Amino acid sequence: IEWLSGFRPVGEKGPASDEYDRKRAQVLGKLRDLNLLKKADIEEYGLVHDALHPKSQRRFDFFTSWDPAALGGRDSRRVEPIHHAIRSKRKDKEERFEMALKAGMEYFPEQLGFLFSKQDGISA
């Protein structure tokens, strides 16, 4: 499941392509329909964090629409995705932050998408 959920840079027809993301999201949907992928797996395996990459947008949307609380709406042993994005050392850090913020604003507008949530004394 973790392999299907995350981004693995290979090339145009591989994990970096839109088609790859679309097909992986379809497979995840089928696994959910067959009850082989459970909502609890999103938290347990950190699937939202794995999918937090611009080339994994459909998979990120799949997980966050199914379990919006994975964005930070519950007590968790994981860092909120918005904080995961800003701590990234990668070049696409801003795109990851934007993904997490947009999803947070969609599902938690009253909390401003967790923009001002604190992690280790630092707000996003």
PDB file of N, CA and C in Angstrom:
ATOM      1  N   ILE A   1       0.833  -1.189   0.000  1.00  0.00           N
ATOM      2  CA  ILE A   1       0.000   0.000   0.000  1.00  0.00           C
ATOM      3  C   ILE A   1       0.878   1.252   0.000  1.00  0.00           C
ATOM      4  N   GLU A   2       1.924   1.236   0.814  1.00  0.00           N
ATOM      5  CA  GLU A   2       2.799   2.404   0.862  1.00  0.00           C
ATOM      6  C   GLU A   2       3.460   2.656  -0.493  1.00  0.00           C
ATOM      7  N   TRP A   3       3.769   1.613  -1.210  1.00  0.00           N
ATOM      8  CA  TRP A   3       4.374   1.770  -2.536  1.00  0.00           C
ATOM      9  C   TRP A   3       3.389   2.421  -3.503  1.00  0.00           C
ATOM     10  N   LEU A   4       2.129   2.054  -3.417  1.00  0.00           N
ATOM     11  CA  LEU A   4       1.106   2.645  -4.283  1.00  0.00           C
ATOM     12  C   LEU A   4       0.813   4.094  -3.921  1.00  0.00           C
ATOM     13  N   SER A   5       0.947   4.429  -2.651  1.00  0.00           N
ATOM     14  CA  SER A   5       0.518   5.748  -2.188  1.00  0.00           C
ATOM     15  C   SER A   5       1.526   6.853  -2.467  1.00  0.00           C
ATOM     16  N   GLY A   6       2.801   6.548  -2.470  1.00  0.00           N
ATOM     17  CA  GLY A   6       3.811   7.593  -2.541  1.00  0.00           C
ATOM     18  C   GLY A   6       4.401   7.830  -3.899  1.00  0.00           C
ATOM     19  N   PHE A   7       5.263   8.812  -3.964  1.00  0.00           N
ATOM     20  CA  PHE A   7       5.931   9.217  -5.191  1.00  0.00           C
ATOM     21  C   PHE A   7       7.295   8.549  -5.277  1.00  0.00           C
ATOM     22  N   ARG A   8       7.559   7.944  -6.396  1.00  0.00           N
ATOM     23  CA  ARG A   8       8.867   7.330  -6.653  1.00  0.00           C
ATOM     24  C   ARG A   8       9.373   7.848  -8.004  1.00  0.00           C
ATOM     25  N   PRO A   9      10.333   8.773  -8.023  1.00  0.00           N
ATOM     26  CA  PRO A   9      10.778   9.372  -9.285  1.00  0.00           C
ATOM     27  C   PRO A   9      11.477   8.372 -10.193  1.00  0.00           C
ATOM     28  N   VAL A  10      10.915   8.176 -11.366  1.00  0.00           N
ATOM     29  CA  VAL A  10      11.516   7.262 -12.331  1.00  0.00           C
ATOM     30  C   VAL A  10      11.617   7.906 -13.697  1.00  0.00           C
ATOM     31  N   GLY A  11      10.540   8.460 -14.197  1.00  0.00           N
ATOM     32  CA  GLY A  11      10.573   9.055 -15.528  1.00  0.00           C
ATOM     33  C   GLY A  11       9.190   9.419 -16.007  1.00  0.00           C
ATOM     34  N   GLU A  12       9.113   9.835 -17.248  1.00  0.00           N
ATOM     35  CA  GLU A  12       7.866  10.322 -17.827  1.00  0.00           C
ATOM     36  C   GLU A  12       6.731   9.316 -17.754  1.00  0.00           C
ATOM     37  N   LYS A  13       6.968   8.071 -18.116  1.00  0.00           N
ATOM     38  CA  LYS A  13       5.907   7.065 -18.112  1.00  0.00           C
ATOM     39  C   LYS A  13       5.808   6.351 -16.773  1.00  0.00           C
ATOM     40  N   GLY A  14       6.726   6.650 -15.894  1.00  0.00           N
ATOM     41  CA  GLY A  14       6.717   6.027 -14.573  1.00  0.00           C
ATOM     42  C   GLY A  14       6.013   6.917 -13.568  1.00  0.00           C
ATOM     43  N   PRO A  15       6.454   6.874 -12.331  1.00  0.00           N
ATOM     44  CA  PRO A  15       5.804   7.596 -11.250  1.00  0.00           C
ATOM     45  C   PRO A  15       5.702   9.106 -11.428  1.00  0.00           C
ATOM     46  N   ALA A  16       6.455   9.689 -12.345  1.00  0.00           N
ATOM     47  CA  ALA A  16       6.381  11.136 -12.529  1.00  0.00           C
ATOM     48  C   ALA A  16       5.243  11.543 -13.458  1.00  0.00           C
ATOM     49  N   SER A  17       4.527  10.603 -14.038  1.00  0.00           N
ATOM     50  CA  SER A  17       3.484  10.946 -14.992  1.00  0.00           C
ATOM     51  C   SER A  17       2.113  11.050 -14.341  1.00  0.00           C
ATOM     52  N   ASP A  18       1.254  11.833 -14.969  1.00  0.00           N
ATOM     53  CA  ASP A  18      -0.121  11.991 -14.503  1.00  0.00           C
ATOM     54  C   ASP A  18      -0.882  10.669 -14.634  1.00  0.00           C
ATOM     55  N   GLU A  19      -0.588   9.930 -15.679  1.00  0.00           N
ATOM     56  CA  GLU A  19      -1.249   8.637 -15.887  1.00  0.00           C
ATOM     57  C   GLU A  19      -0.926   7.673 -14.738  1.00  0.00           C
ATOM     58  N   TYR A  20       0.299   7.676 -14.297  1.00  0.00           N
ATOM     59  CA  TYR A  20       0.722   6.825 -13.175  1.00  0.00           C
ATOM     60  C   TYR A  20      -0.095   7.167 -11.932  1.00  0.00           C
ATOM     61  N   ASP A  21      -0.214   8.454 -11.642  1.00  0.00           N
ATOM     62  CA  ASP A  21      -0.963   8.905 -10.467  1.00  0.00           C
ATOM     63  C   ASP A  21      -2.433   8.487 -10.582  1.00  0.00           C
ATOM     64  N   ARG A  22      -3.019   8.682 -11.748  1.00  0.00           N
ATOM     65  CA  ARG A  22      -4.421   8.334 -11.964  1.00  0.00           C
ATOM     66  C   ARG A  22      -4.657   6.844 -11.769  1.00  0.00           C
ATOM     67  N   LYS A  23      -3.797   6.028 -12.348  1.00  0.00           N
ATOM     68  CA  LYS A  23      -3.956   4.571 -12.231  1.00  0.00           C
ATOM     69  C   LYS A  23      -3.769   4.098 -10.788  1.00  0.00           C
ATOM     70  N   ARG A  24      -2.801   4.665 -10.084  1.00  0.00           N
ATOM     71  CA  ARG A  24      -2.582   4.262  -8.695  1.00  0.00           C
ATOM     72  C   ARG A  24      -3.769   4.650  -7.822  1.00  0.00           C
ATOM     73  N   ALA A  25      -4.354   5.814  -8.082  1.00  0.00           N
ATOM     74  CA  ALA A  25      -5.541   6.233  -7.329  1.00  0.00           C
ATOM     75  C   ALA A  25      -6.711   5.288  -7.614  1.00  0.00           C
ATOM     76  N   GLN A  26      -6.835   4.831  -8.855  1.00  0.00           N
ATOM     77  CA  GLN A  26      -7.896   3.864  -9.196  1.00  0.00           C
ATOM     78  C   GLN A  26      -7.691   2.546  -8.459  1.00  0.00           C
ATOM     79  N   VAL A  27      -6.451   2.076  -8.423  1.00  0.00           N
ATOM     80  CA  VAL A  27      -6.154   0.823  -7.718  1.00  0.00           C
ATOM     81  C   VAL A  27      -6.472   0.968  -6.231  1.00  0.00           C
ATOM     82  N   LEU A  28      -6.106   2.089  -5.641  1.00  0.00           N
ATOM     83  CA  LEU A  28      -6.408   2.321  -4.226  1.00  0.00           C
ATOM     84  C   LEU A  28      -7.924   2.324  -4.001  1.00  0.00           C
ATOM     85  N   GLY A  29      -8.665   2.920  -4.924  1.00  0.00           N
ATOM     86  CA  GLY A  29     -10.128   2.914  -4.828  1.00  0.00           C
ATOM     87  C   GLY A  29     -10.698   1.509  -4.892  1.00  0.00           C
ATOM     88  N   LYS A  30     -10.138   0.691  -5.761  1.00  0.00           N
ATOM     89  CA  LYS A  30     -10.596  -0.703  -5.867  1.00  0.00           C
ATOM     90  C   LYS A  30     -10.256  -1.494  -4.604  1.00  0.00           C
ATOM     91  N   LEU A  31      -9.075  -1.271  -4.057  1.00  0.00           N
ATOM     92  CA  LEU A  31      -8.698  -1.935  -2.806  1.00  0.00           C
ATOM     93  C   LEU A  31      -9.649  -1.538  -1.676  1.00  0.00           C
ATOM     94  N   ARG A  32     -10.039  -0.267  -1.663  1.00  0.00           N
ATOM     95  CA  ARG A  32     -11.006   0.188  -0.654  1.00  0.00           C
ATOM     96  C   ARG A  32     -12.355  -0.504  -0.862  1.00  0.00           C
ATOM     97  N   ASP A  33     -12.803  -0.585  -2.120  1.00  0.00           N
ATOM     98  CA  ASP A  33     -14.086  -1.231  -2.431  1.00  0.00           C
ATOM     99  C   ASP A  33     -14.090  -2.703  -2.031  1.00  0.00           C
ATOM    100  N   LEU A  34     -12.936  -3.352  -2.143  1.00  0.00           N
ATOM    101  CA  LEU A  34     -12.809  -4.762  -1.769  1.00  0.00           C
ATOM    102  C   LEU A  34     -12.553  -4.938  -0.268  1.00  0.00           C
ATOM    103  N   ASN A  35     -12.527  -3.833   0.439  1.00  0.00           N
ATOM    104  CA  ASN A  35     -12.280  -3.824   1.883  1.00  0.00           C
ATOM    105  C   ASN A  35     -10.869  -4.328   2.238  1.00  0.00           C
ATOM    106  N   LEU A  36      -9.947  -4.157   1.308  1.00  0.00           N
ATOM    107  CA  LEU A  36      -8.548  -4.526   1.548  1.00  0.00           C
ATOM    108  C   LEU A  36      -7.732  -3.329   2.009  1.00  0.00           C
ATOM    109  N   LEU A  37      -8.275  -2.150   1.814  1.00  0.00           N
ATOM    110  CA  LEU A  37      -7.668  -0.918   2.303  1.00  0.00           C
ATOM    111  C   LEU A  37      -8.686  -0.281   3.238  1.00  0.00           C
ATOM    112  N   LYS A  38      -8.261  -0.020   4.440  1.00  0.00           N
ATOM    113  CA  LYS A  38      -9.158   0.509   5.463  1.00  0.00           C
ATOM    114  C   LYS A  38      -8.789   1.965   5.778  1.00  0.00           C
ATOM    115  N   LYS A  39      -9.769   2.693   6.237  1.00  0.00           N
ATOM    116  CA  LYS A  39      -9.546   4.087   6.614  1.00  0.00           C
ATOM    117  C   LYS A  39      -8.441   4.192   7.669  1.00  0.00           C
ATOM    118  N   ALA A  40      -8.399   3.259   8.595  1.00  0.00           N
ATOM    119  CA  ALA A  40      -7.378   3.267   9.648  1.00  0.00           C
ATOM    120  C   ALA A  40      -5.967   3.128   9.078  1.00  0.00           C
ATOM    121  N   ASP A  41      -5.824   2.520   7.894  1.00  0.00           N
ATOM    122  CA  ASP A  41      -4.515   2.364   7.255  1.00  0.00           C
ATOM    123  C   ASP A  41      -3.889   3.710   6.900  1.00  0.00           C
ATOM    124  N   ILE A  42      -4.731   4.699   6.628  1.00  0.00           N
ATOM    125  CA  ILE A  42      -4.225   6.021   6.259  1.00  0.00           C
ATOM    126  C   ILE A  42      -3.370   6.586   7.381  1.00  0.00           C
ATOM    127  N   GLU A  43      -3.863   6.497   8.594  1.00  0.00           N
ATOM    128  CA  GLU A  43      -3.104   6.973   9.755  1.00  0.00           C
ATOM    129  C   GLU A  43      -1.954   6.022  10.092  1.00  0.00           C
ATOM    130  N   GLU A  44      -2.264   4.735  10.154  1.00  0.00           N
ATOM    131  CA  GLU A  44      -1.271   3.756  10.586  1.00  0.00           C
ATOM    132  C   GLU A  44      -0.007   3.768   9.726  1.00  0.00           C
ATOM    133  N   TYR A  45      -0.175   3.886   8.416  1.00  0.00           N
ATOM    134  CA  TYR A  45       0.976   3.822   7.508  1.00  0.00           C
ATOM    135  C   TYR A  45       1.425   5.189   6.996  1.00  0.00           C
ATOM    136  N   GLY A  46       0.794   6.261   7.462  1.00  0.00           N
ATOM    137  CA  GLY A  46       1.202   7.601   7.040  1.00  0.00           C
ATOM    138  C   GLY A  46       0.996   7.846   5.558  1.00  0.00           C
ATOM    139  N   LEU A  47      -0.125   7.378   5.020  1.00  0.00           N
ATOM    140  CA  LEU A  47      -0.345   7.439   3.579  1.00  0.00           C
ATOM    141  C   LEU A  47      -0.548   8.856   3.053  1.00  0.00           C
ATOM    142  N   VAL A  48      -1.091   9.748   3.868  1.00  0.00           N
ATOM    143  CA  VAL A  48      -1.225  11.144   3.438  1.00  0.00           C
ATOM    144  C   VAL A  48       0.162  11.762   3.281  1.00  0.00           C
ATOM    145  N   HIS A  49       1.062  11.467   4.212  1.00  0.00           N
ATOM    146  CA  HIS A  49       2.429  11.982   4.106  1.00  0.00           C
ATOM    147  C   HIS A  49       3.126  11.413   2.864  1.00  0.00           C
ATOM    148  N   ASP A  50       2.927  10.123   2.603  1.00  0.00           N
ATOM    149  CA  ASP A  50       3.539   9.501   1.423  1.00  0.00           C
ATOM    150  C   ASP A  50       3.057  10.156   0.135  1.00  0.00           C
ATOM    151  N   ALA A  51       1.788  10.515   0.099  1.00  0.00           N
ATOM    152  CA  ALA A  51       1.189  11.078  -1.117  1.00  0.00           C
ATOM    153  C   ALA A  51       1.360  12.589  -1.219  1.00  0.00           C
ATOM    154  N   LEU A  52       1.964  13.210  -0.237  1.00  0.00           N
ATOM    155  CA  LEU A  52       2.140  14.665  -0.249  1.00  0.00           C
ATOM    156  C   LEU A  52       3.286  15.054  -1.177  1.00  0.00           C
ATOM    157  N   HIS A  53       2.996  15.015  -2.445  1.00  0.00           N
ATOM    158  CA  HIS A  53       3.951  15.361  -3.496  1.00  0.00           C
ATOM    159  C   HIS A  53       3.151  15.820  -4.706  1.00  0.00           C
ATOM    160  N   PRO A  54       3.603  16.847  -5.423  1.00  0.00           N
ATOM    161  CA  PRO A  54       2.845  17.349  -6.570  1.00  0.00           C
ATOM    162  C   PRO A  54       2.516  16.280  -7.622  1.00  0.00           C
ATOM    163  N   LYS A  55       3.362  15.291  -7.767  1.00  0.00           N
ATOM    164  CA  LYS A  55       3.114  14.235  -8.754  1.00  0.00           C
ATOM    165  C   LYS A  55       2.189  13.146  -8.219  1.00  0.00           C
ATOM    166  N   SER A  56       1.744  13.289  -6.983  1.00  0.00           N
ATOM    167  CA  SER A  56       0.831  12.319  -6.359  1.00  0.00           C
ATOM    168  C   SER A  56      -0.485  12.992  -5.965  1.00  0.00           C
ATOM    169  N   GLN A  57      -0.854  14.031  -6.664  1.00  0.00           N
ATOM    170  CA  GLN A  57      -2.020  14.837  -6.274  1.00  0.00           C
ATOM    171  C   GLN A  57      -3.305  14.012  -6.166  1.00  0.00           C
ATOM    172  N   ARG A  58      -3.563  13.141  -7.124  1.00  0.00           N
ATOM    173  CA  ARG A  58      -4.796  12.338  -7.072  1.00  0.00           C
ATOM    174  C   ARG A  58      -4.811  11.391  -5.876  1.00  0.00           C
ATOM    175  N   ARG A  59      -3.668  10.810  -5.577  1.00  0.00           N
ATOM    176  CA  ARG A  59      -3.599   9.919  -4.418  1.00  0.00           C
ATOM    177  C   ARG A  59      -3.754  10.715  -3.127  1.00  0.00           C
ATOM    178  N   PHE A  60      -3.151  11.886  -3.070  1.00  0.00           N
ATOM    179  CA  PHE A  60      -3.308  12.752  -1.904  1.00  0.00           C
ATOM    180  C   PHE A  60      -4.784  13.119  -1.723  1.00  0.00           C
ATOM    181  N   ASP A  61      -5.439  13.498  -2.815  1.00  0.00           N
ATOM    182  CA  ASP A  61      -6.864  13.837  -2.764  1.00  0.00           C
ATOM    183  C   ASP A  61      -7.712  12.636  -2.344  1.00  0.00           C
ATOM    184  N   PHE A  62      -7.357  11.458  -2.833  1.00  0.00           N
ATOM    185  CA  PHE A  62      -8.080  10.237  -2.477  1.00  0.00           C
ATOM    186  C   PHE A  62      -8.041  10.029  -0.959  1.00  0.00           C
ATOM    187  N   PHE A  63      -6.852  10.099  -0.382  1.00  0.00           N
ATOM    188  CA  PHE A  63      -6.711   9.860   1.056  1.00  0.00           C
ATOM    189  C   PHE A  63      -7.356  10.968   1.892  1.00  0.00           C
ATOM    190  N   THR A  64      -7.158  12.227   1.500  1.00  0.00           N
ATOM    191  CA  THR A  64      -7.702  13.321   2.315  1.00  0.00           C
ATOM    192  C   THR A  64      -9.217  13.430   2.193  1.00  0.00           C
ATOM    193  N   SER A  65      -9.786  13.055   1.056  1.00  0.00           N
ATOM    194  CA  SER A  65     -11.249  13.091   0.948  1.00  0.00           C
ATOM    195  C   SER A  65     -11.876  11.956   1.752  1.00  0.00           C
ATOM    196  N   TRP A  66     -11.193  10.834   1.818  1.00  0.00           N
ATOM    197  CA  TRP A  66     -11.692   9.688   2.577  1.00  0.00           C
ATOM    198  C   TRP A  66     -11.513   9.897   4.080  1.00  0.00           C
ATOM    199  N   ASP A  67     -10.405  10.507   4.459  1.00  0.00           N
ATOM    200  CA  ASP A  67     -10.097  10.711   5.875  1.00  0.00           C
ATOM    201  C   ASP A  67      -9.533  12.116   6.096  1.00  0.00           C
ATOM    202  N   PRO A  68     -10.395  13.146   6.047  1.00  0.00           N
ATOM    203  CA  PRO A  68      -9.906  14.515   6.228  1.00  0.00           C
ATOM    204  C   PRO A  68      -9.171  14.724   7.554  1.00  0.00           C
ATOM    205  N   ALA A  69      -9.517  13.960   8.568  1.00  0.00           N
ATOM    206  CA  ALA A  69      -8.859  14.119   9.874  1.00  0.00           C
ATOM    207  C   ALA A  69      -7.361  13.816   9.799  1.00  0.00           C
ATOM    208  N   ALA A  70      -6.927  13.131   8.766  1.00  0.00           N
ATOM    209  CA  ALA A  70      -5.496  12.845   8.600  1.00  0.00           C
ATOM    210  C   ALA A  70      -4.695  14.121   8.339  1.00  0.00           C
ATOM    211  N   LEU A  71      -5.397  15.208   8.022  1.00  0.00           N
ATOM    212  CA  LEU A  71      -4.726  16.490   7.819  1.00  0.00           C
ATOM    213  C   LEU A  71      -4.367  17.167   9.132  1.00  0.00           C
ATOM    214  N   GLY A  72      -4.914  16.666  10.228  1.00  0.00           N
ATOM    215  CA  GLY A  72      -4.588  17.239  11.527  1.00  0.00           C
ATOM    216  C   GLY A  72      -5.789  17.395  12.435  1.00  0.00           C
ATOM    217  N   GLY A  73      -6.892  16.867  12.054  1.00  0.00           N
ATOM    218  CA  GLY A  73      -8.097  17.024  12.851  1.00  0.00           C
ATOM    219  C   GLY A  73      -8.236  16.032  13.992  1.00  0.00           C
ATOM    220  N   ARG A  74      -7.190  15.328  14.325  1.00  0.00           N
ATOM    221  CA  ARG A  74      -7.247  14.369  15.440  1.00  0.00           C
ATOM    222  C   ARG A  74      -5.874  14.283  16.099  1.00  0.00           C
ATOM    223  N   ASP A  75      -5.873  13.744  17.278  1.00  0.00           N
ATOM    224  CA  ASP A  75      -4.588  13.484  17.929  1.00  0.00           C
ATOM    225  C   ASP A  75      -3.890  12.390  17.136  1.00  0.00           C
ATOM    226  N   SER A  76      -2.647  12.600  16.863  1.00  0.00           N
ATOM    227  CA  SER A  76      -1.911  11.654  16.037  1.00  0.00           C
ATOM    228  C   SER A  76      -0.469  11.599  16.488  1.00  0.00           C
ATOM    229  N   ARG A  77       0.162  10.485  16.210  1.00  0.00           N
ATOM    230  CA  ARG A  77       1.590  10.369  16.499  1.00  0.00           C
ATOM    231  C   ARG A  77       2.417  10.959  15.355  1.00  0.00           C
ATOM    232  N   ARG A  78       1.739  11.336  14.275  1.00  0.00           N
ATOM    233  CA  ARG A  78       2.415  11.891  13.099  1.00  0.00           C
ATOM    234  C   ARG A  78       2.358  13.423  13.102  1.00  0.00           C
ATOM    235  N   VAL A  79       3.320  14.009  12.464  1.00  0.00           N
ATOM    236  CA  VAL A  79       3.342  15.457  12.267  1.00  0.00           C
ATOM    237  C   VAL A  79       2.227  15.798  11.274  1.00  0.00           C
ATOM    238  N   GLU A  80       1.548  16.902  11.494  1.00  0.00           N
ATOM    239  CA  GLU A  80       0.510  17.317  10.547  1.00  0.00           C
ATOM    240  C   GLU A  80       1.137  17.518   9.165  1.00  0.00           C
ATOM    241  N   PRO A  81       0.419  17.157   8.105  1.00  0.00           N
ATOM    242  CA  PRO A  81       0.975  17.285   6.755  1.00  0.00           C
ATOM    243  C   PRO A  81       1.493  18.687   6.416  1.00  0.00           C
ATOM    244  N   ILE A  82       0.834  19.722   6.924  1.00  0.00           N
ATOM    245  CA  ILE A  82       1.302  21.080   6.616  1.00  0.00           C
ATOM    246  C   ILE A  82       2.688  21.313   7.217  1.00  0.00           C
ATOM    247  N   HIS A  83       2.947  20.753   8.388  1.00  0.00           N
ATOM    248  CA  HIS A  83       4.273  20.870   9.010  1.00  0.00           C
ATOM    249  C   HIS A  83       5.272  19.945   8.321  1.00  0.00           C
ATOM    250  N   HIS A  84       4.797  18.796   7.890  1.00  0.00           N
ATOM    251  CA  HIS A  84       5.650  17.877   7.129  1.00  0.00           C
ATOM    252  C   HIS A  84       6.144  18.586   5.865  1.00  0.00           C
ATOM    253  N   ALA A  85       5.252  19.345   5.219  1.00  0.00           N
ATOM    254  CA  ALA A  85       5.604  20.056   3.989  1.00  0.00           C
ATOM    255  C   ALA A  85       6.641  21.153   4.234  1.00  0.00           C
ATOM    256  N   ILE A  86       6.447  21.945   5.279  1.00  0.00           N
ATOM    257  CA  ILE A  86       7.384  23.066   5.493  1.00  0.00           C
ATOM    258  C   ILE A  86       8.741  22.605   5.999  1.00  0.00           C
ATOM    259  N   ARG A  87       8.795  21.407   6.562  1.00  0.00           N
ATOM    260  CA  ARG A  87      10.083  20.881   7.037  1.00  0.00           C
ATOM    261  C   ARG A  87      10.855  20.153   5.943  1.00  0.00           C
ATOM    262  N   SER A  88      10.220  19.983   4.800  1.00  0.00           N
ATOM    263  CA  SER A  88      10.855  19.279   3.698  1.00  0.00           C
ATOM    264  C   SER A  88      12.088  20.041   3.213  1.00  0.00           C
ATOM    265  N   LYS A  89      13.091  19.312   2.817  1.00  0.00           N
ATOM    266  CA  LYS A  89      14.313  19.917   2.289  1.00  0.00           C
ATOM    267  C   LYS A  89      14.319  19.901   0.757  1.00  0.00           C
ATOM    268  N   ARG A  90      13.210  19.506   0.166  1.00  0.00           N
ATOM    269  CA  ARG A  90      13.137  19.354  -1.287  1.00  0.00           C
ATOM    270  C   ARG A  90      12.780  20.661  -1.986  1.00  0.00           C
ATOM    271  N   LYS A  91      13.058  20.710  -3.276  1.00  0.00           N
ATOM    272  CA  LYS A  91      12.782  21.899  -4.081  1.00  0.00           C
ATOM    273  C   LYS A  91      11.287  22.186  -4.195  1.00  0.00           C
ATOM    274  N   ASP A  92      10.466  21.156  -4.120  1.00  0.00           N
ATOM    275  CA  ASP A  92       9.024  21.322  -4.286  1.00  0.00           C
ATOM    276  C   ASP A  92       8.317  21.589  -2.953  1.00  0.00           C
ATOM    277  N   LYS A  93       9.045  22.069  -1.995  1.00  0.00           N
ATOM    278  CA  LYS A  93       8.528  22.343  -0.649  1.00  0.00           C
ATOM    279  C   LYS A  93       7.293  23.256  -0.697  1.00  0.00           C
ATOM    280  N   GLU A  94       7.334  24.306  -1.522  1.00  0.00           N
ATOM    281  CA  GLU A  94       6.211  25.242  -1.610  1.00  0.00           C
ATOM    282  C   GLU A  94       4.980  24.572  -2.197  1.00  0.00           C
ATOM    283  N   GLU A  95       5.161  23.700  -3.180  1.00  0.00           N
ATOM    284  CA  GLU A  95       4.025  22.987  -3.774  1.00  0.00           C
ATOM    285  C   GLU A  95       3.399  22.020  -2.765  1.00  0.00           C
ATOM    286  N   ARG A  96       4.229  21.370  -1.990  1.00  0.00           N
ATOM    287  CA  ARG A  96       3.725  20.468  -0.948  1.00  0.00           C
ATOM    288  C   ARG A  96       2.933  21.259   0.100  1.00  0.00           C
ATOM    289  N   PHE A  97       3.480  22.398   0.487  1.00  0.00           N
ATOM    290  CA  PHE A  97       2.791  23.255   1.449  1.00  0.00           C
ATOM    291  C   PHE A  97       1.432  23.688   0.896  1.00  0.00           C
ATOM    292  N   GLU A  98       1.418  24.085  -0.361  1.00  0.00           N
ATOM    293  CA  GLU A  98       0.170  24.515  -0.997  1.00  0.00           C
ATOM    294  C   GLU A  98      -0.858  23.382  -1.033  1.00  0.00           C
ATOM    295  N   MET A  99      -0.415  22.172  -1.347  1.00  0.00           N
ATOM    296  CA  MET A  99      -1.323  21.020  -1.347  1.00  0.00           C
ATOM    297  C   MET A  99      -1.945  20.820   0.029  1.00  0.00           C
ATOM    298  N   ALA A 100      -1.113  20.824   1.054  1.00  0.00           N
ATOM    299  CA  ALA A 100      -1.593  20.598   2.421  1.00  0.00           C
ATOM    300  C   ALA A 100      -2.518  21.731   2.868  1.00  0.00           C
ATOM    301  N   LEU A 101      -2.167  22.958   2.538  1.00  0.00           N
ATOM    302  CA  LEU A 101      -2.989  24.096   2.937  1.00  0.00           C
ATOM    303  C   LEU A 101      -4.342  24.077   2.229  1.00  0.00           C
ATOM    304  N   LYS A 102      -4.353  23.816   0.918  1.00  0.00           N
ATOM    305  CA  LYS A 102      -5.622  23.774   0.174  1.00  0.00           C
ATOM    306  C   LYS A 102      -6.548  22.696   0.720  1.00  0.00           C
ATOM    307  N   ALA A 103      -5.993  21.520   0.958  1.00  0.00           N
ATOM    308  CA  ALA A 103      -6.822  20.435   1.507  1.00  0.00           C
ATOM    309  C   ALA A 103      -7.311  20.801   2.901  1.00  0.00           C
ATOM    310  N   GLY A 104      -6.448  21.364   3.700  1.00  0.00           N
ATOM    311  CA  GLY A 104      -6.840  21.777   5.041  1.00  0.00           C
ATOM    312  C   GLY A 104      -7.937  22.829   5.010  1.00  0.00           C
ATOM    313  N   MET A 105      -7.835  23.778   4.093  1.00  0.00           N
ATOM    314  CA  MET A 105      -8.861  24.825   3.974  1.00  0.00           C
ATOM    315  C   MET A 105     -10.178  24.252   3.462  1.00  0.00           C
ATOM    316  N   GLU A 106     -10.102  23.250   2.611  1.00  0.00           N
ATOM    317  CA  GLU A 106     -11.324  22.626   2.089  1.00  0.00           C
ATOM    318  C   GLU A 106     -12.099  21.909   3.195  1.00  0.00           C
ATOM    319  N   TYR A 107     -11.388  21.173   4.031  1.00  0.00           N
ATOM    320  CA  TYR A 107     -12.047  20.349   5.047  1.00  0.00           C
ATOM    321  C   TYR A 107     -12.122  20.997   6.431  1.00  0.00           C
ATOM    322  N   PHE A 108     -11.236  21.952   6.691  1.00  0.00           N
ATOM    323  CA  PHE A 108     -11.200  22.587   8.014  1.00  0.00           C
ATOM    324  C   PHE A 108     -11.059  24.110   7.877  1.00  0.00           C
ATOM    325  N   PRO A 109     -12.007  24.759   7.202  1.00  0.00           N
ATOM    326  CA  PRO A 109     -11.881  26.217   7.015  1.00  0.00           C
ATOM    327  C   PRO A 109     -11.933  26.985   8.331  1.00  0.00           C
ATOM    328  N   GLU A 110     -12.677  26.459   9.313  1.00  0.00           N
ATOM    329  CA  GLU A 110     -12.775  27.147  10.604  1.00  0.00           C
ATOM    330  C   GLU A 110     -11.450  27.146  11.353  1.00  0.00           C
ATOM    331  N   GLN A 111     -10.551  26.248  10.992  1.00  0.00           N
ATOM    332  CA  GLN A 111      -9.216  26.196  11.607  1.00  0.00           C
ATOM    333  C   GLN A 111      -8.152  26.727  10.646  1.00  0.00           C
ATOM    334  N   LEU A 112      -8.612  27.409   9.611  1.00  0.00           N
ATOM    335  CA  LEU A 112      -7.731  27.982   8.584  1.00  0.00           C
ATOM    336  C   LEU A 112      -6.749  26.952   8.025  1.00  0.00           C
ATOM    337  N   GLY A 113      -7.266  25.748   7.816  1.00  0.00           N
ATOM    338  CA  GLY A 113      -6.454  24.698   7.208  1.00  0.00           C
ATOM    339  C   GLY A 113      -5.231  24.304   8.007  1.00  0.00           C
ATOM    340  N   PHE A 114      -5.269  24.550   9.316  1.00  0.00           N
ATOM    341  CA  PHE A 114      -4.159  24.252  10.229  1.00  0.00           C
ATOM    342  C   PHE A 114      -2.939  25.136   9.992  1.00  0.00           C
ATOM    343  N   LEU A 115      -3.156  26.255   9.304  1.00  0.00           N
ATOM    344  CA  LEU A 115      -2.060  27.177   9.005  1.00  0.00           C
ATOM    345  C   LEU A 115      -1.371  27.668  10.277  1.00  0.00           C
ATOM    346  N   PHE A 116      -2.153  27.889  11.334  1.00  0.00           N
ATOM    347  CA  PHE A 116      -1.578  28.419  12.566  1.00  0.00           C
ATOM    348  C   PHE A 116      -1.424  27.359  13.655  1.00  0.00           C
ATOM    349  N   SER A 117      -1.512  26.102  13.259  1.00  0.00           N
ATOM    350  CA  SER A 117      -1.285  25.042  14.243  1.00  0.00           C
ATOM    351  C   SER A 117       0.198  25.014  14.591  1.00  0.00           C
ATOM    352  N   LYS A 118       0.492  24.649  15.796  1.00  0.00           N
ATOM    353  CA  LYS A 118       1.891  24.637  16.242  1.00  0.00           C
ATOM    354  C   LYS A 118       2.419  23.229  16.368  1.00  0.00           C
ATOM    355  N   GLN A 119       3.642  23.073  15.959  1.00  0.00           N
ATOM    356  CA  GLN A 119       4.379  21.824  16.084  1.00  0.00           C
ATOM    357  C   GLN A 119       5.754  22.193  16.626  1.00  0.00           C
ATOM    358  N   ASP A 120       6.070  21.696  17.789  1.00  0.00           N
ATOM    359  CA  ASP A 120       7.342  22.027  18.444  1.00  0.00           C
ATOM    360  C   ASP A 120       7.516  23.547  18.600  1.00  0.00           C
ATOM    361  N   GLY A 121       6.404  24.241  18.893  1.00  0.00           N
ATOM    362  CA  GLY A 121       6.443  25.674  19.110  1.00  0.00           C
ATOM    363  C   GLY A 121       6.484  26.526  17.855  1.00  0.00           C
ATOM    364  N   ILE A 122       6.399  25.880  16.687  1.00  0.00           N
ATOM    365  CA  ILE A 122       6.472  26.611  15.411  1.00  0.00           C
ATOM    366  C   ILE A 122       5.156  26.446  14.672  1.00  0.00           C
ATOM    367  N   SER A 123       4.577  27.573  14.223  1.00  0.00           N
ATOM    368  CA  SER A 123       3.355  27.476  13.415  1.00  0.00           C
ATOM    369  C   SER A 123       3.748  27.414  11.944  1.00  0.00           C
ATOM    370  N   ALA A 124       2.860  26.822  11.156  1.00  0.00           N
ATOM    371  CA  ALA A 124       3.133  26.651   9.732  1.00  0.00           C
ATOM    372  C   ALA A 124       3.268  28.002   9.078  1.00  0.00           C
TER     373      ALA A 124
END
